[in-house]
Amino acid sequence: MRADDMLPTADDAAAPGAPRTVMSEPDVARALRRIAHEIVERNKGADDLVLLGIPTRGVELSRRLAALLQEVEGVEVPVGALDITMFRDDLRHQPTRAPMPTRIPPGGVDDRVVVLVDDVLYSGRTIRAALDALADLGRPRAVRLAVLVDRGHRELPIRADHVGKNLPTAHSERVMVRLTGVDDAGDSVTIASGETRAGRPSTPGGAR
């Protein structure tokens, strides 16, 4: 965890329960740029990369990362979307949203380095479902994970390779990611206390 992840924000003095901003639009932009550079360094370039965003906000984040990778490396990295709705292990307990399209770039994923992209990493169950969905599509040479926020509370042995911000939270708190192009607001990450169901908050944007 980096030292700046624990620094208080200007909103820390907000009333209890009121959302406080932990990442502003410039913070999100800086985090994505750093992740893009980390991906290039880890992969020793951008060749053979495929970015697969997990709907909804993971898709937008993957597009932005692809644009940054092209800016850094001059290479157009294929981008797709991987819906995991029907691969979740909590379908009996959670309301199921309508599946969204899975879009795999023309070269497929076989023998490629696939970077799964999501907005919030929480229990790890969304990523487990994504790995199952990906296994039905091909056999990548390697699979890595990039997330904007890691809020902790893992229930499965899953760890992100690239993290924009480590954000310690309580189960009773809600982490909300808003992205221009997806939400009716600019880029931000906020955290607030919230009502829980079965001991867990309702967290938007693939946070499970």
Protein backbone atom coordinates (compact mmCIF):
# COMPACT_ATOMS: atom_id res chain seq x y z
CA MET A 1 0.00 0.00 0.00
CA ARG A 2 1.35 3.41 -0.93
CA ALA A 3 1.56 6.09 1.74
CA ASP A 4 -0.72 8.44 -0.17
CA ASP A 5 -3.53 5.87 -0.02
CA MET A 6 -3.95 6.69 3.67
CA LEU A 7 -3.90 10.47 3.38
CA PRO A 8 -7.14 12.20 4.42
CA THR A 9 -9.17 13.93 1.74
CA ALA A 10 -10.87 17.30 1.85
CA ASP A 11 -14.15 15.52 2.51
CA ASP A 12 -13.02 13.58 5.58
CA ALA A 13 -14.83 16.04 7.83
CA ALA A 14 -18.19 15.32 6.18
CA ALA A 15 -21.09 14.26 8.35
CA PRO A 16 -21.21 10.55 9.28
CA GLY A 17 -22.83 8.56 6.49
CA ALA A 18 -22.40 11.33 3.92
CA PRO A 19 -20.43 10.28 0.83
CA ARG A 20 -16.85 11.52 0.83
CA THR A 21 -14.72 11.75 -2.27
CA VAL A 22 -11.59 9.61 -2.20
CA MET A 23 -10.67 10.03 -5.88
CA SER A 24 -11.42 13.06 -8.02
CA GLU A 25 -11.33 13.21 -11.81
CA PRO A 26 -7.60 14.08 -11.90
CA ASP A 27 -6.92 11.26 -9.42
CA VAL A 28 -8.69 8.74 -11.68
CA ALA A 29 -6.74 9.98 -14.70
CA ARG A 30 -3.41 9.68 -12.86
CA ALA A 31 -4.26 6.20 -11.59
CA LEU A 32 -5.12 4.96 -15.09
CA ARG A 33 -1.96 6.44 -16.57
CA ARG A 34 0.13 4.72 -13.91
CA ILE A 35 -1.65 1.41 -14.51
CA ALA A 36 -1.00 1.73 -18.25
CA HIS A 37 2.72 2.20 -17.62
CA GLU A 38 2.73 -0.75 -15.21
CA ILE A 39 1.08 -2.96 -17.83
CA VAL A 40 3.71 -2.00 -20.41
CA GLU A 41 6.54 -2.62 -17.95
CA ARG A 42 5.15 -5.98 -16.79
CA ASN A 43 4.49 -7.12 -20.37
CA LYS A 44 7.71 -5.61 -21.78
CA GLY A 45 5.64 -3.77 -24.37
CA ALA A 46 2.08 -3.90 -25.62
CA ASP A 47 2.36 -6.79 -28.09
CA ASP A 48 -0.07 -9.69 -27.64
CA LEU A 49 -2.16 -7.76 -25.11
CA VAL A 50 -5.95 -7.94 -25.01
CA LEU A 51 -8.00 -5.82 -22.62
CA LEU A 52 -11.35 -7.25 -21.51
CA GLY A 53 -13.54 -4.96 -19.44
CA ILE A 54 -16.14 -6.37 -17.06
CA PRO A 55 -19.43 -4.48 -17.59
CA THR A 56 -20.35 -1.91 -16.87
CA ARG A 57 -17.60 0.44 -15.78
CA GLY A 58 -14.79 -2.00 -16.46
CA VAL A 59 -15.53 -1.65 -20.16
CA GLU A 60 -15.11 2.12 -20.04
CA LEU A 61 -11.90 1.77 -18.03
CA SER A 62 -10.50 -0.74 -20.53
CA ARG A 63 -11.14 1.69 -23.39
CA ARG A 64 -9.30 4.44 -21.56
CA LEU A 65 -6.38 2.13 -20.79
CA ALA A 66 -6.19 1.11 -24.45
CA ALA A 67 -5.99 4.78 -25.46
CA LEU A 68 -3.19 5.37 -22.95
CA LEU A 69 -1.32 2.27 -24.12
CA GLN A 70 -1.50 3.51 -27.70
CA GLU A 71 -0.19 6.88 -26.54
CA VAL A 72 2.70 5.27 -24.68
CA GLU A 73 3.63 2.45 -27.07
CA GLY A 74 2.11 3.52 -30.39
CA VAL A 75 0.30 0.16 -30.55
CA GLU A 76 -3.45 -0.33 -30.86
CA VAL A 77 -4.39 -2.83 -28.16
CA PRO A 78 -7.57 -4.84 -28.81
CA VAL A 79 -10.41 -4.12 -26.38
CA GLY A 80 -13.45 -6.26 -25.60
CA ALA A 81 -16.12 -6.85 -22.98
CA LEU A 82 -16.60 -9.96 -20.83
CA ASP A 83 -20.02 -10.38 -19.22
CA ILE A 84 -19.97 -12.63 -16.16
CA THR A 85 -23.63 -12.51 -15.12
CA MET A 86 -24.45 -16.18 -15.67
CA PHE A 87 -21.15 -17.35 -14.17
CA ARG A 88 -21.73 -15.83 -10.74
CA ASP A 89 -22.00 -18.17 -7.75
CA ASP A 90 -24.60 -16.02 -5.97
CA LEU A 91 -27.44 -16.13 -8.52
CA ARG A 92 -29.75 -17.75 -5.97
CA HIS A 93 -29.23 -14.98 -3.45
CA GLN A 94 -28.84 -11.79 -5.51
CA PRO A 95 -31.12 -10.14 -8.06
CA THR A 96 -29.79 -10.96 -11.52
CA ARG A 97 -29.32 -8.18 -14.00
CA ALA A 98 -29.87 -8.86 -17.69
CA PRO A 99 -26.72 -10.25 -19.32
CA MET A 100 -24.76 -7.75 -21.37
CA PRO A 101 -22.95 -8.56 -24.63
CA THR A 102 -19.59 -10.28 -24.47
CA ARG A 103 -17.38 -8.91 -27.23
CA ILE A 104 -14.09 -10.63 -28.00
CA PRO A 105 -11.72 -8.82 -30.39
CA PRO A 106 -11.08 -10.44 -33.83
CA GLY A 107 -7.84 -12.30 -32.90
CA GLY A 108 -9.46 -14.02 -29.93
CA VAL A 109 -7.68 -14.70 -26.66
CA ASP A 110 -5.69 -17.86 -27.41
CA ASP A 111 -2.01 -17.45 -26.54
CA ARG A 112 -2.57 -13.75 -25.74
CA VAL A 113 -1.96 -11.88 -22.49
CA VAL A 114 -5.46 -10.95 -21.31
CA VAL A 115 -5.85 -8.09 -18.85
CA LEU A 116 -9.22 -8.19 -17.11
CA VAL A 117 -10.33 -4.69 -16.14
CA ASP A 118 -12.88 -3.81 -13.45
CA ASP A 119 -13.69 -0.79 -11.33
CA VAL A 120 -13.75 -2.25 -7.78
CA LEU A 121 -12.21 -5.42 -6.39
CA TYR A 122 -14.01 -6.66 -3.27
CA SER A 123 -14.66 -10.30 -2.38
CA GLY A 124 -13.09 -11.63 -5.59
CA ARG A 125 -16.23 -13.46 -6.71
CA THR A 126 -16.73 -11.27 -9.77
CA ILE A 127 -13.20 -12.09 -10.92
CA ARG A 128 -13.67 -15.79 -10.25
CA ALA A 129 -16.75 -15.64 -12.48
CA ALA A 130 -14.74 -13.75 -15.11
CA LEU A 131 -12.08 -16.46 -15.13
CA ASP A 132 -14.77 -19.10 -15.66
CA ALA A 133 -16.30 -17.06 -18.49
CA LEU A 134 -12.89 -16.57 -20.07
CA ALA A 135 -12.14 -20.30 -19.93
CA ASP A 136 -15.15 -20.87 -22.21
CA LEU A 137 -13.65 -18.56 -24.82
CA GLY A 138 -10.12 -19.82 -25.20
CA ARG A 139 -6.77 -20.37 -23.53
CA PRO A 140 -4.79 -17.17 -22.92
CA ARG A 141 -1.06 -17.38 -22.32
CA ALA A 142 -1.55 -15.34 -19.14
CA VAL A 143 -4.38 -13.53 -17.37
CA ARG A 144 -3.81 -10.40 -15.31
CA LEU A 145 -6.14 -8.12 -13.41
CA ALA A 146 -6.30 -4.32 -13.33
CA VAL A 147 -8.74 -2.50 -11.03
CA LEU A 148 -9.30 1.14 -10.24
CA VAL A 149 -10.00 0.44 -6.54
CA ASP A 150 -9.15 -2.47 -4.24
CA ARG A 151 -11.35 -2.17 -1.15
CA GLY A 152 -10.21 -5.37 0.56
CA HIS A 153 -12.40 -8.03 2.25
CA ARG A 154 -11.38 -10.85 -0.09
CA GLU A 155 -13.29 -14.12 0.20
CA LEU A 156 -11.28 -15.91 -2.49
CA PRO A 157 -7.49 -16.05 -3.10
CA ILE A 158 -7.53 -13.41 -5.83
CA ARG A 159 -5.16 -10.45 -6.07
CA ALA A 160 -4.99 -7.63 -8.61
CA ASP A 161 -1.78 -7.12 -10.59
CA HIS A 162 -2.45 -3.42 -11.11
CA VAL A 163 -4.37 -1.23 -8.63
CA GLY A 164 -5.24 2.44 -8.96
CA LYS A 165 -5.93 2.89 -5.24
CA ASN A 166 -5.96 0.60 -2.21
CA LEU A 167 -8.93 1.72 -0.13
CA PRO A 168 -9.41 0.11 3.30
CA THR A 169 -13.15 -0.16 4.01
CA ALA A 170 -15.67 -1.69 6.36
CA HIS A 171 -18.28 -4.16 5.10
CA SER A 172 -20.93 -1.60 5.98
CA GLU A 173 -19.46 1.02 3.64
CA ARG A 174 -20.34 1.54 0.01
CA VAL A 175 -17.72 2.37 -2.62
CA MET A 176 -19.24 4.16 -5.60
CA VAL A 177 -17.38 4.68 -8.87
CA ARG A 178 -18.74 7.20 -11.34
CA LEU A 179 -17.29 7.58 -14.84
CA THR A 180 -18.00 10.09 -17.57
CA GLY A 181 -19.61 8.24 -20.46
CA VAL A 182 -21.35 5.79 -18.15
CA ASP A 183 -22.86 7.90 -15.39
CA ASP A 184 -24.50 11.31 -15.37
CA ALA A 185 -21.50 12.77 -13.58
CA GLY A 186 -17.78 13.28 -13.96
CA ASP A 187 -15.17 10.77 -12.83
CA SER A 188 -15.09 10.16 -9.09
CA VAL A 189 -14.81 7.52 -6.40
CA THR A 190 -16.79 8.10 -3.22
CA ILE A 191 -17.27 6.11 -0.05
CA ALA A 192 -20.23 6.20 2.34
CA SER A 193 -21.76 4.13 5.08
CA GLY A 194 -24.76 2.18 3.89
CA GLU A 195 -27.41 -0.36 4.75
CA THR A 196 -26.23 -3.93 4.42
CA ARG A 197 -27.95 -7.07 3.27
CA ALA A 198 -26.68 -10.33 4.74
CA GLY A 199 -23.78 -8.39 6.20
CA ARG A 200 -22.68 -6.82 2.90
CA PRO A 201 -23.33 -3.46 1.29
CA SER A 202 -24.87 -2.98 -2.09
CA THR A 203 -21.94 -1.73 -4.15
CA PRO A 204 -22.33 -0.65 -7.79
CA GLY A 205 -20.03 -1.52 -10.62
CA GLY A 206 -18.79 -5.10 -10.28
CA ALA A 207 -17.52 -4.68 -6.74
CA ARG A 208 -18.15 -8.25 -5.63
